[in-house]
């Protein structure tokens, strides 16, 4: 197969979406949409994630050193797209209908509609340019009871329908195009 050289990109490497839940300096829940999220091993399973640019979510995580990572599903996508496209500096960003709860182990806001939620504690910040890599310990995983059923992993994933993104496009678990960034939130509004 012939190859061509391109500028750096990750267009064909979709990543799963998560809504990071934090509390702002006034104790109000705040959620931001991110996909630079993966796993590490540091004597136990952990998480590494990165936030590029100046964002209130990053400021909240830096201040509190804890946050939730709520798996985005097709059901949650319109709200997630809104939370990802509207600036965290917009005072009306969080004026939407969300079913918000609290973590079981850490004082973090969670989205009750997400089927899998990580409660994370940052153990190390690594700054690179305007990006910040966070190495985290998983302090708790909240998971819908229905995921303890006898279904196969493939059946469970198909049912909860996690969303991935690449090339400014949202993709369903099965690869369906769910719209460009900014489109799904129109259904929410």
N, C-alpha and C. Protein backbone atom coordinates (compact mmCIF):
# COMPACT_ATOMS: atom_id res chain seq x y z
N UNK A 1 0.85 -1.17 0.00
CA UNK A 1 0.00 0.00 0.00
C UNK A 1 0.90 1.24 0.00
N UNK A 2 0.70 2.13 -0.94
CA UNK A 2 1.51 3.36 -1.04
C UNK A 2 1.14 4.33 0.08
N UNK A 3 2.11 5.10 0.54
CA UNK A 3 1.90 6.06 1.63
C UNK A 3 2.24 7.46 1.15
N UNK A 4 1.63 8.46 1.81
CA UNK A 4 1.97 9.86 1.57
C UNK A 4 2.33 10.49 2.90
N UNK A 5 3.15 11.52 2.87
CA UNK A 5 3.53 12.22 4.10
C UNK A 5 2.60 13.40 4.33
N UNK A 6 2.21 13.60 5.59
CA UNK A 6 1.30 14.68 5.97
C UNK A 6 1.86 15.41 7.19
N UNK A 7 1.30 16.57 7.46
CA UNK A 7 1.60 17.26 8.72
C UNK A 7 1.02 16.43 9.86
N UNK A 8 1.54 16.57 11.08
CA UNK A 8 1.03 15.77 12.20
C UNK A 8 -0.49 15.93 12.38
N UNK A 9 -1.18 14.79 12.53
CA UNK A 9 -2.61 14.77 12.81
C UNK A 9 -2.96 13.43 13.43
N UNK A 10 -4.16 13.32 13.95
CA UNK A 10 -4.65 12.05 14.48
C UNK A 10 -6.01 11.71 13.89
N UNK A 11 -6.19 12.06 12.61
CA UNK A 11 -7.50 11.94 11.97
C UNK A 11 -8.08 10.53 11.96
N UNK A 12 -7.27 9.50 11.98
CA UNK A 12 -7.80 8.15 11.91
C UNK A 12 -7.50 7.36 13.18
N UNK A 13 -7.46 8.08 14.27
CA UNK A 13 -7.21 7.49 15.59
C UNK A 13 -8.28 7.99 16.55
N UNK A 14 -9.53 7.54 16.38
CA UNK A 14 -10.61 8.05 17.23
C UNK A 14 -10.37 7.76 18.70
N UNK A 15 -10.82 8.68 19.54
CA UNK A 15 -10.68 8.53 20.98
C UNK A 15 -12.05 8.68 21.64
N UNK A 16 -12.22 7.97 22.74
CA UNK A 16 -13.47 7.99 23.48
C UNK A 16 -13.61 9.33 24.20
N UNK A 17 -14.84 9.83 24.26
CA UNK A 17 -15.13 11.10 24.91
C UNK A 17 -15.51 10.93 26.38
N UNK A 18 -15.06 11.90 27.19
CA UNK A 18 -15.43 11.97 28.60
C UNK A 18 -15.78 13.41 28.95
N UNK A 19 -16.75 13.57 29.82
CA UNK A 19 -17.04 14.87 30.42
C UNK A 19 -16.36 14.90 31.77
N UNK A 20 -15.43 15.84 31.93
CA UNK A 20 -14.72 15.98 33.20
C UNK A 20 -15.56 16.86 34.11
N UNK A 21 -15.86 16.34 35.29
CA UNK A 21 -16.67 17.07 36.26
C UNK A 21 -15.80 17.64 37.37
N UNK A 22 -15.95 18.94 37.60
CA UNK A 22 -15.21 19.64 38.65
C UNK A 22 -16.16 20.60 39.36
N UNK A 23 -15.69 21.13 40.46
CA UNK A 23 -16.38 22.23 41.11
C UNK A 23 -15.56 23.49 40.90
N UNK A 24 -16.24 24.60 40.58
CA UNK A 24 -15.52 25.86 40.42
C UNK A 24 -15.19 26.43 41.80
N UNK A 25 -14.56 27.60 41.82
CA UNK A 25 -14.13 28.20 43.08
C UNK A 25 -15.29 28.54 44.02
N UNK A 26 -16.52 28.58 43.49
CA UNK A 26 -17.70 28.86 44.31
C UNK A 26 -18.48 27.60 44.69
N UNK A 27 -17.93 26.44 44.30
CA UNK A 27 -18.59 25.17 44.62
C UNK A 27 -19.66 24.76 43.64
N UNK A 28 -19.75 25.43 42.48
CA UNK A 28 -20.74 25.08 41.46
C UNK A 28 -20.19 24.01 40.53
N UNK A 29 -21.02 23.02 40.14
CA UNK A 29 -20.54 21.99 39.22
C UNK A 29 -20.21 22.59 37.86
N UNK A 30 -19.16 22.06 37.26
CA UNK A 30 -18.73 22.48 35.93
C UNK A 30 -18.26 21.23 35.19
N UNK A 31 -18.66 21.12 33.93
CA UNK A 31 -18.25 19.98 33.12
C UNK A 31 -17.64 20.48 31.82
N UNK A 32 -16.56 19.82 31.40
CA UNK A 32 -15.92 20.11 30.13
C UNK A 32 -15.75 18.81 29.36
N UNK A 33 -15.76 18.90 28.04
CA UNK A 33 -15.67 17.72 27.16
C UNK A 33 -14.24 17.53 26.68
N UNK A 34 -13.71 16.31 26.89
CA UNK A 34 -12.33 16.02 26.53
C UNK A 34 -12.20 14.60 26.00
N UNK A 35 -11.16 14.38 25.19
CA UNK A 35 -10.93 13.03 24.65
C UNK A 35 -9.49 12.56 24.82
N UNK A 36 -8.56 13.40 25.23
CA UNK A 36 -7.18 12.94 25.40
C UNK A 36 -7.08 12.24 26.74
N UNK A 37 -7.48 10.98 26.76
CA UNK A 37 -7.67 10.19 27.97
C UNK A 37 -7.21 8.77 27.67
N UNK A 38 -6.35 8.23 28.51
CA UNK A 38 -5.92 6.84 28.34
C UNK A 38 -5.49 6.30 29.70
N UNK A 39 -4.94 5.12 29.70
CA UNK A 39 -4.63 4.42 30.93
C UNK A 39 -3.13 4.24 31.11
N UNK A 40 -2.71 4.17 32.37
CA UNK A 40 -1.31 3.95 32.71
C UNK A 40 -1.24 2.87 33.79
N UNK A 41 -0.04 2.34 33.98
CA UNK A 41 0.19 1.41 35.07
C UNK A 41 1.28 2.01 35.95
N UNK A 42 0.97 2.22 37.21
CA UNK A 42 1.92 2.76 38.18
C UNK A 42 1.68 2.00 39.49
N UNK A 43 2.02 0.73 39.49
CA UNK A 43 1.75 -0.24 40.56
C UNK A 43 0.25 -0.53 40.69
N UNK A 44 -0.57 0.18 39.97
CA UNK A 44 -2.01 -0.07 39.87
C UNK A 44 -2.51 0.65 38.63
N UNK A 45 -3.71 0.29 38.18
CA UNK A 45 -4.29 0.94 37.02
C UNK A 45 -4.55 2.41 37.33
N UNK A 46 -4.13 3.27 36.45
CA UNK A 46 -4.38 4.70 36.61
C UNK A 46 -4.81 5.30 35.28
N UNK A 47 -4.92 6.61 35.26
CA UNK A 47 -5.37 7.34 34.08
C UNK A 47 -4.39 8.46 33.79
N UNK A 48 -4.17 8.72 32.51
CA UNK A 48 -3.46 9.92 32.10
C UNK A 48 -4.37 10.67 31.15
N UNK A 49 -4.39 11.97 31.31
CA UNK A 49 -5.22 12.78 30.44
C UNK A 49 -4.51 14.11 30.21
N UNK A 50 -4.94 14.81 29.19
CA UNK A 50 -4.31 16.07 28.85
C UNK A 50 -5.39 17.08 28.50
N UNK A 51 -5.18 18.30 28.93
CA UNK A 51 -6.04 19.42 28.55
C UNK A 51 -5.13 20.48 27.95
N UNK A 52 -5.40 20.85 26.71
CA UNK A 52 -4.63 21.89 26.03
C UNK A 52 -5.33 23.23 26.16
N UNK A 53 -4.55 24.27 26.34
CA UNK A 53 -5.10 25.61 26.38
C UNK A 53 -5.62 26.00 27.76
N UNK A 54 -5.95 27.27 27.87
CA UNK A 54 -6.43 27.84 29.12
C UNK A 54 -7.93 27.58 29.23
N UNK A 55 -8.34 26.74 30.19
CA UNK A 55 -9.75 26.40 30.35
C UNK A 55 -10.10 26.37 31.83
N UNK A 56 -11.29 26.83 32.18
CA UNK A 56 -11.72 26.76 33.59
C UNK A 56 -11.66 25.35 34.15
N UNK A 57 -12.00 24.33 33.35
CA UNK A 57 -11.95 22.96 33.84
C UNK A 57 -10.54 22.62 34.31
N UNK A 58 -9.55 23.02 33.52
CA UNK A 58 -8.15 22.75 33.90
C UNK A 58 -7.81 23.51 35.19
N UNK A 59 -8.25 24.76 35.30
CA UNK A 59 -8.01 25.54 36.52
C UNK A 59 -8.63 24.85 37.73
N UNK A 60 -9.86 24.34 37.57
CA UNK A 60 -10.55 23.65 38.67
C UNK A 60 -9.80 22.39 39.09
N UNK A 61 -9.35 21.62 38.10
CA UNK A 61 -8.61 20.39 38.41
C UNK A 61 -7.30 20.74 39.11
N UNK A 62 -6.61 21.75 38.60
CA UNK A 62 -5.34 22.15 39.20
C UNK A 62 -5.55 22.57 40.67
N UNK A 63 -6.62 23.31 40.94
CA UNK A 63 -6.89 23.81 42.28
C UNK A 63 -7.28 22.67 43.24
N UNK A 64 -8.17 21.79 42.79
CA UNK A 64 -8.72 20.76 43.67
C UNK A 64 -8.01 19.41 43.59
N UNK A 65 -7.31 19.17 42.50
CA UNK A 65 -6.57 17.92 42.26
C UNK A 65 -7.46 16.67 42.22
N UNK A 66 -8.75 16.88 42.00
CA UNK A 66 -9.69 15.77 41.83
C UNK A 66 -10.71 16.15 40.77
N UNK A 67 -11.26 15.14 40.10
CA UNK A 67 -12.33 15.36 39.12
C UNK A 67 -12.96 14.02 38.75
N UNK A 68 -14.10 14.08 38.10
CA UNK A 68 -14.74 12.87 37.59
C UNK A 68 -14.56 12.85 36.07
N UNK A 69 -14.51 11.64 35.53
CA UNK A 69 -14.48 11.46 34.08
C UNK A 69 -15.68 10.60 33.74
N UNK A 70 -16.69 11.22 33.11
CA UNK A 70 -17.98 10.60 32.82
C UNK A 70 -18.02 10.18 31.37
N UNK A 71 -18.17 8.88 31.12
CA UNK A 71 -18.20 8.37 29.75
C UNK A 71 -19.37 8.98 28.99
N UNK A 72 -19.08 9.50 27.79
CA UNK A 72 -20.13 10.10 26.96
C UNK A 72 -20.73 9.01 26.07
N UNK A 73 -22.05 8.92 26.11
CA UNK A 73 -22.80 7.98 25.28
C UNK A 73 -23.59 8.76 24.24
N UNK A 74 -24.18 8.04 23.31
CA UNK A 74 -25.02 8.71 22.30
C UNK A 74 -26.15 9.49 22.96
N UNK A 75 -26.71 8.96 24.04
CA UNK A 75 -27.77 9.65 24.77
C UNK A 75 -27.28 10.98 25.33
N UNK A 76 -26.05 11.01 25.82
CA UNK A 76 -25.47 12.22 26.43
C UNK A 76 -24.85 13.18 25.41
N UNK A 77 -24.69 12.74 24.15
CA UNK A 77 -23.93 13.53 23.18
C UNK A 77 -24.45 14.95 22.97
N UNK A 78 -25.74 15.22 22.82
CA UNK A 78 -26.15 16.62 22.62
C UNK A 78 -25.70 17.54 23.77
N UNK A 79 -25.85 17.09 25.00
CA UNK A 79 -25.40 17.91 26.14
C UNK A 79 -23.88 18.00 26.16
N UNK A 80 -23.20 16.88 25.88
CA UNK A 80 -21.74 16.87 25.87
C UNK A 80 -21.20 17.81 24.80
N UNK A 81 -21.81 17.81 23.64
CA UNK A 81 -21.37 18.70 22.55
C UNK A 81 -21.54 20.15 22.99
N UNK A 82 -22.65 20.46 23.63
CA UNK A 82 -22.85 21.81 24.17
C UNK A 82 -21.73 22.17 25.14
N UNK A 83 -21.44 21.25 26.08
CA UNK A 83 -20.43 21.52 27.09
C UNK A 83 -19.03 21.60 26.49
N UNK A 84 -18.84 21.00 25.32
CA UNK A 84 -17.55 21.07 24.65
C UNK A 84 -17.40 22.25 23.71
N UNK A 85 -18.50 22.73 23.18
CA UNK A 85 -18.45 23.83 22.20
C UNK A 85 -18.63 25.20 22.83
N UNK A 86 -19.34 25.29 23.94
CA UNK A 86 -19.55 26.57 24.60
C UNK A 86 -18.37 26.80 25.55
N UNK A 87 -17.77 27.95 25.48
CA UNK A 87 -16.62 28.28 26.31
C UNK A 87 -16.94 28.16 27.79
N UNK A 88 -15.99 27.62 28.53
CA UNK A 88 -16.13 27.55 29.98
C UNK A 88 -16.18 28.91 30.64
N UNK A 89 -15.80 29.93 29.89
CA UNK A 89 -15.84 31.30 30.42
C UNK A 89 -17.21 31.95 30.20
N UNK A 90 -18.10 31.28 29.45
CA UNK A 90 -19.46 31.77 29.22
C UNK A 90 -20.28 31.49 30.48
N UNK A 91 -20.81 32.53 31.14
CA UNK A 91 -21.54 32.32 32.39
C UNK A 91 -22.81 31.47 32.23
N UNK A 92 -23.31 31.32 31.00
CA UNK A 92 -24.52 30.53 30.77
C UNK A 92 -24.24 29.10 30.35
N UNK A 93 -22.97 28.72 30.24
CA UNK A 93 -22.61 27.38 29.77
C UNK A 93 -23.34 26.28 30.53
N UNK A 94 -23.38 26.38 31.86
CA UNK A 94 -23.96 25.31 32.67
C UNK A 94 -25.47 25.47 32.88
N UNK A 95 -26.10 26.45 32.26
CA UNK A 95 -27.55 26.66 32.39
C UNK A 95 -28.30 25.73 31.46
N UNK A 96 -28.07 24.44 31.62
CA UNK A 96 -28.76 23.42 30.85
C UNK A 96 -29.23 22.33 31.81
N UNK A 97 -30.14 21.51 31.35
CA UNK A 97 -30.70 20.45 32.20
C UNK A 97 -29.75 19.26 32.22
N UNK A 98 -29.15 19.01 33.39
CA UNK A 98 -28.28 17.85 33.58
C UNK A 98 -28.67 17.16 34.88
N UNK A 99 -28.60 15.84 34.90
CA UNK A 99 -28.85 15.06 36.11
C UNK A 99 -27.52 14.89 36.83
N UNK A 100 -27.20 15.82 37.73
CA UNK A 100 -25.91 15.86 38.40
C UNK A 100 -26.01 15.25 39.79
N UNK A 101 -25.05 14.38 40.09
CA UNK A 101 -24.95 13.78 41.41
C UNK A 101 -23.57 14.05 41.99
N UNK A 102 -23.23 13.30 43.03
CA UNK A 102 -21.92 13.45 43.69
C UNK A 102 -21.20 12.12 43.66
N UNK A 103 -19.87 12.20 43.58
CA UNK A 103 -19.05 11.01 43.66
C UNK A 103 -19.27 10.27 44.97
N UNK A 104 -18.94 8.99 44.97
CA UNK A 104 -19.09 8.18 46.18
C UNK A 104 -17.87 8.28 47.08
N UNK A 105 -16.68 8.49 46.50
CA UNK A 105 -15.44 8.51 47.27
C UNK A 105 -14.83 9.91 47.32
N UNK A 106 -14.87 10.62 46.19
CA UNK A 106 -14.30 11.97 46.13
C UNK A 106 -15.40 13.01 46.01
N UNK A 107 -15.12 14.21 46.44
CA UNK A 107 -16.08 15.31 46.33
C UNK A 107 -16.02 15.90 44.93
N UNK A 108 -16.64 15.17 43.99
CA UNK A 108 -16.67 15.58 42.58
C UNK A 108 -18.09 15.45 42.05
N UNK A 109 -18.48 16.34 41.14
CA UNK A 109 -19.80 16.18 40.53
C UNK A 109 -19.74 15.06 39.48
N UNK A 110 -20.83 14.33 39.36
CA UNK A 110 -20.93 13.27 38.36
C UNK A 110 -22.22 13.45 37.56
N UNK A 111 -22.26 12.85 36.40
CA UNK A 111 -23.47 12.83 35.59
C UNK A 111 -24.14 11.48 35.78
N UNK A 112 -25.29 11.49 36.42
CA UNK A 112 -25.99 10.25 36.74
C UNK A 112 -26.35 9.45 35.50
N UNK A 113 -26.45 10.08 34.32
CA UNK A 113 -26.82 9.39 33.09
C UNK A 113 -25.64 8.68 32.43
N UNK A 114 -24.43 8.91 32.91
CA UNK A 114 -23.27 8.24 32.33
C UNK A 114 -23.16 6.84 32.91
N UNK A 115 -22.97 5.81 32.07
CA UNK A 115 -22.93 4.44 32.58
C UNK A 115 -21.63 4.07 33.28
N UNK A 116 -20.54 4.81 33.02
CA UNK A 116 -19.25 4.54 33.64
C UNK A 116 -18.61 5.87 34.01
N UNK A 117 -18.24 5.99 35.28
CA UNK A 117 -17.67 7.25 35.79
C UNK A 117 -16.44 6.91 36.63
N UNK A 118 -15.35 7.59 36.33
CA UNK A 118 -14.13 7.46 37.12
C UNK A 118 -14.06 8.64 38.08
N UNK A 119 -13.74 8.36 39.35
CA UNK A 119 -13.42 9.40 40.31
C UNK A 119 -11.90 9.42 40.40
N UNK A 120 -11.29 10.55 39.99
CA UNK A 120 -9.85 10.61 39.80
C UNK A 120 -9.17 11.63 40.71
N UNK A 121 -8.00 11.24 41.21
CA UNK A 121 -7.16 12.13 41.99
C UNK A 121 -5.85 12.33 41.22
N UNK A 122 -5.50 13.58 40.94
CA UNK A 122 -4.27 13.87 40.21
C UNK A 122 -3.08 13.71 41.15
N UNK A 123 -2.09 12.92 40.71
CA UNK A 123 -0.88 12.74 41.50
C UNK A 123 0.29 13.53 40.92
N UNK A 124 0.18 13.90 39.63
CA UNK A 124 1.27 14.65 39.02
C UNK A 124 0.75 15.46 37.83
N UNK A 125 1.19 16.70 37.73
CA UNK A 125 0.92 17.55 36.58
C UNK A 125 2.22 17.69 35.79
N UNK A 126 2.14 17.52 34.49
CA UNK A 126 3.30 17.69 33.62
C UNK A 126 2.92 18.74 32.57
N UNK A 127 3.55 19.90 32.64
CA UNK A 127 3.22 20.98 31.72
C UNK A 127 4.11 20.90 30.48
N UNK A 128 3.49 20.99 29.33
CA UNK A 128 4.18 21.00 28.04
C UNK A 128 3.55 22.10 27.19
N UNK A 129 4.27 23.20 26.99
CA UNK A 129 3.71 24.31 26.24
C UNK A 129 2.44 24.80 26.91
N UNK A 130 1.34 24.87 26.13
CA UNK A 130 0.07 25.30 26.74
C UNK A 130 -0.82 24.11 27.11
N UNK A 131 -0.22 22.92 27.12
CA UNK A 131 -0.96 21.72 27.51
C UNK A 131 -0.51 21.22 28.86
N UNK A 132 -1.38 20.49 29.50
CA UNK A 132 -1.06 19.93 30.81
C UNK A 132 -1.49 18.47 30.85
N UNK A 133 -0.52 17.60 31.09
CA UNK A 133 -0.78 16.18 31.24
C UNK A 133 -0.99 15.93 32.73
N UNK A 134 -2.01 15.14 33.03
CA UNK A 134 -2.32 14.82 34.43
C UNK A 134 -2.26 13.31 34.60
N UNK A 135 -1.44 12.87 35.53
CA UNK A 135 -1.39 11.46 35.90
C UNK A 135 -2.28 11.30 37.12
N UNK A 136 -3.18 10.32 37.05
CA UNK A 136 -4.23 10.21 38.07
C UNK A 136 -4.35 8.80 38.63
N UNK A 137 -4.70 8.74 39.90
CA UNK A 137 -5.09 7.49 40.55
C UNK A 137 -6.60 7.37 40.44
N UNK A 138 -7.06 6.18 40.12
CA UNK A 138 -8.50 5.92 40.09
C UNK A 138 -8.91 5.60 41.51
N UNK A 139 -9.70 6.49 42.12
CA UNK A 139 -10.12 6.28 43.50
C UNK A 139 -11.44 5.53 43.59
N UNK A 140 -12.20 5.54 42.49
CA UNK A 140 -13.46 4.80 42.46
C UNK A 140 -13.96 4.75 41.02
N UNK A 141 -14.68 3.69 40.69
CA UNK A 141 -15.38 3.58 39.41
C UNK A 141 -16.84 3.35 39.73
N UNK A 142 -17.69 4.25 39.25
CA UNK A 142 -19.14 4.08 39.38
C UNK A 142 -19.64 3.51 38.06
N UNK A 143 -20.35 2.40 38.13
CA UNK A 143 -20.80 1.72 36.92
C UNK A 143 -22.25 1.32 37.08
N UNK A 144 -23.03 1.49 36.03
CA UNK A 144 -24.42 1.05 36.05
C UNK A 144 -24.48 -0.44 36.38
N UNK A 145 -25.41 -0.79 37.26
CA UNK A 145 -25.59 -2.19 37.63
C UNK A 145 -25.84 -3.07 36.42
N UNK A 146 -26.50 -2.53 35.40
CA UNK A 146 -26.84 -3.33 34.22
C UNK A 146 -25.59 -3.85 33.50
N UNK A 147 -24.43 -3.23 33.75
CA UNK A 147 -23.20 -3.69 33.11
C UNK A 147 -22.62 -4.92 33.81
N UNK A 148 -23.28 -5.37 34.88
CA UNK A 148 -22.87 -6.61 35.56
C UNK A 148 -23.66 -7.80 35.05
N UNK A 149 -24.43 -7.60 33.99
CA UNK A 149 -25.25 -8.68 33.43
C UNK A 149 -24.38 -9.71 32.73
N UNK A 150 -25.00 -10.76 32.25
CA UNK A 150 -24.30 -11.84 31.57
C UNK A 150 -24.00 -11.57 30.10
N UNK A 151 -24.28 -10.36 29.63
CA UNK A 151 -23.98 -10.03 28.23
C UNK A 151 -22.48 -10.06 27.98
N UNK A 152 -22.10 -10.20 26.73
CA UNK A 152 -20.69 -10.10 26.37
C UNK A 152 -20.27 -8.64 26.43
N UNK A 153 -18.98 -8.40 26.45
CA UNK A 153 -18.46 -7.04 26.45
C UNK A 153 -18.96 -6.30 25.21
N UNK A 154 -18.95 -6.98 24.06
CA UNK A 154 -19.42 -6.34 22.82
C UNK A 154 -20.89 -5.95 22.93
N UNK A 155 -21.71 -6.81 23.52
CA UNK A 155 -23.13 -6.50 23.68
C UNK A 155 -23.33 -5.31 24.62
N UNK A 156 -22.56 -5.27 25.71
CA UNK A 156 -22.67 -4.15 26.66
C UNK A 156 -22.25 -2.84 25.99
N UNK A 157 -21.13 -2.86 25.27
CA UNK A 157 -20.68 -1.64 24.59
C UNK A 157 -21.69 -1.19 23.55
N UNK A 158 -22.25 -2.13 22.82
CA UNK A 158 -23.26 -1.78 21.82
C UNK A 158 -24.48 -1.14 22.49
N UNK A 159 -24.86 -1.65 23.65
CA UNK A 159 -26.03 -1.13 24.36
C UNK A 159 -25.79 0.26 24.94
N UNK A 160 -24.63 0.49 25.57
CA UNK A 160 -24.40 1.80 26.17
C UNK A 160 -23.95 2.83 25.14
N UNK A 161 -23.44 2.39 24.01
CA UNK A 161 -23.11 3.25 22.86
C UNK A 161 -22.18 4.41 23.20
N UNK A 162 -20.92 4.13 23.63
CA UNK A 162 -19.98 5.22 23.88
C UNK A 162 -19.65 5.96 22.58
N UNK A 163 -19.33 7.23 22.71
CA UNK A 163 -19.04 8.08 21.53
C UNK A 163 -17.55 8.32 21.45
N UNK A 164 -17.06 8.29 20.21
CA UNK A 164 -15.65 8.59 19.92
C UNK A 164 -15.62 9.84 19.05
N UNK A 165 -14.42 10.41 18.92
CA UNK A 165 -14.27 11.57 18.04
C UNK A 165 -12.92 11.53 17.33
N UNK A 166 -12.92 12.05 16.14
CA UNK A 166 -11.70 12.31 15.38
C UNK A 166 -12.08 13.20 14.20
N UNK A 167 -11.13 13.97 13.75
CA UNK A 167 -11.32 14.84 12.58
C UNK A 167 -12.57 15.72 12.72
N UNK A 168 -12.78 16.28 13.93
CA UNK A 168 -13.92 17.17 14.22
C UNK A 168 -15.26 16.51 13.94
N UNK A 169 -15.32 15.18 14.12
CA UNK A 169 -16.52 14.40 13.86
C UNK A 169 -16.76 13.45 15.03
N UNK A 170 -18.03 13.31 15.43
CA UNK A 170 -18.42 12.34 16.44
C UNK A 170 -18.80 11.04 15.74
N UNK A 171 -18.38 9.93 16.34
CA UNK A 171 -18.66 8.61 15.77
C UNK A 171 -19.30 7.73 16.83
N UNK A 172 -20.29 6.96 16.40
CA UNK A 172 -20.91 5.99 17.29
C UNK A 172 -19.98 4.81 17.50
N UNK A 173 -20.31 3.97 18.48
CA UNK A 173 -19.52 2.78 18.76
C UNK A 173 -19.39 1.91 17.52
N UNK A 174 -20.44 1.90 16.71
CA UNK A 174 -20.45 1.09 15.49
C UNK A 174 -19.87 1.82 14.28
N UNK A 175 -19.30 3.00 14.49
CA UNK A 175 -18.67 3.74 13.40
C UNK A 175 -19.57 4.72 12.67
N UNK A 176 -20.85 4.78 13.03
CA UNK A 176 -21.76 5.73 12.37
C UNK A 176 -21.33 7.17 12.63
N UNK A 177 -21.51 8.01 11.65
CA UNK A 177 -21.25 9.44 11.78
C UNK A 177 -22.39 10.06 12.59
N UNK A 178 -22.06 10.66 13.74
CA UNK A 178 -23.08 11.28 14.60
C UNK A 178 -23.09 12.80 14.45
N UNK A 179 -22.29 13.31 13.51
CA UNK A 179 -22.30 14.75 13.25
C UNK A 179 -20.96 15.39 13.56
N UNK A 180 -20.79 16.56 12.99
CA UNK A 180 -19.59 17.36 13.24
C UNK A 180 -19.70 18.03 14.60
N UNK A 181 -18.56 18.42 15.15
CA UNK A 181 -18.57 19.17 16.40
C UNK A 181 -19.50 20.37 16.24
N UNK A 182 -20.38 20.59 17.18
CA UNK A 182 -21.33 21.71 17.14
C UNK A 182 -22.69 21.35 16.60
N UNK A 183 -22.82 20.21 15.93
CA UNK A 183 -24.13 19.81 15.38
C UNK A 183 -25.04 19.16 16.43
N UNK A 184 -24.59 18.15 17.18
CA UNK A 184 -25.51 17.48 18.12
C UNK A 184 -26.13 18.42 19.15
N UNK A 185 -25.43 19.48 19.55
CA UNK A 185 -26.00 20.36 20.58
C UNK A 185 -27.23 21.09 20.07
N UNK A 186 -27.42 21.18 18.77
CA UNK A 186 -28.60 21.83 18.21
C UNK A 186 -29.86 21.05 18.60
N UNK A 187 -29.75 19.73 18.75
CA UNK A 187 -30.89 18.91 19.19
C UNK A 187 -31.21 19.17 20.66
N UNK A 188 -30.16 19.51 21.41
CA UNK A 188 -30.30 19.75 22.84
C UNK A 188 -30.96 21.10 23.09
N UNK A 189 -30.62 22.09 22.27
CA UNK A 189 -31.14 23.44 22.46
C UNK A 189 -32.55 23.49 21.92
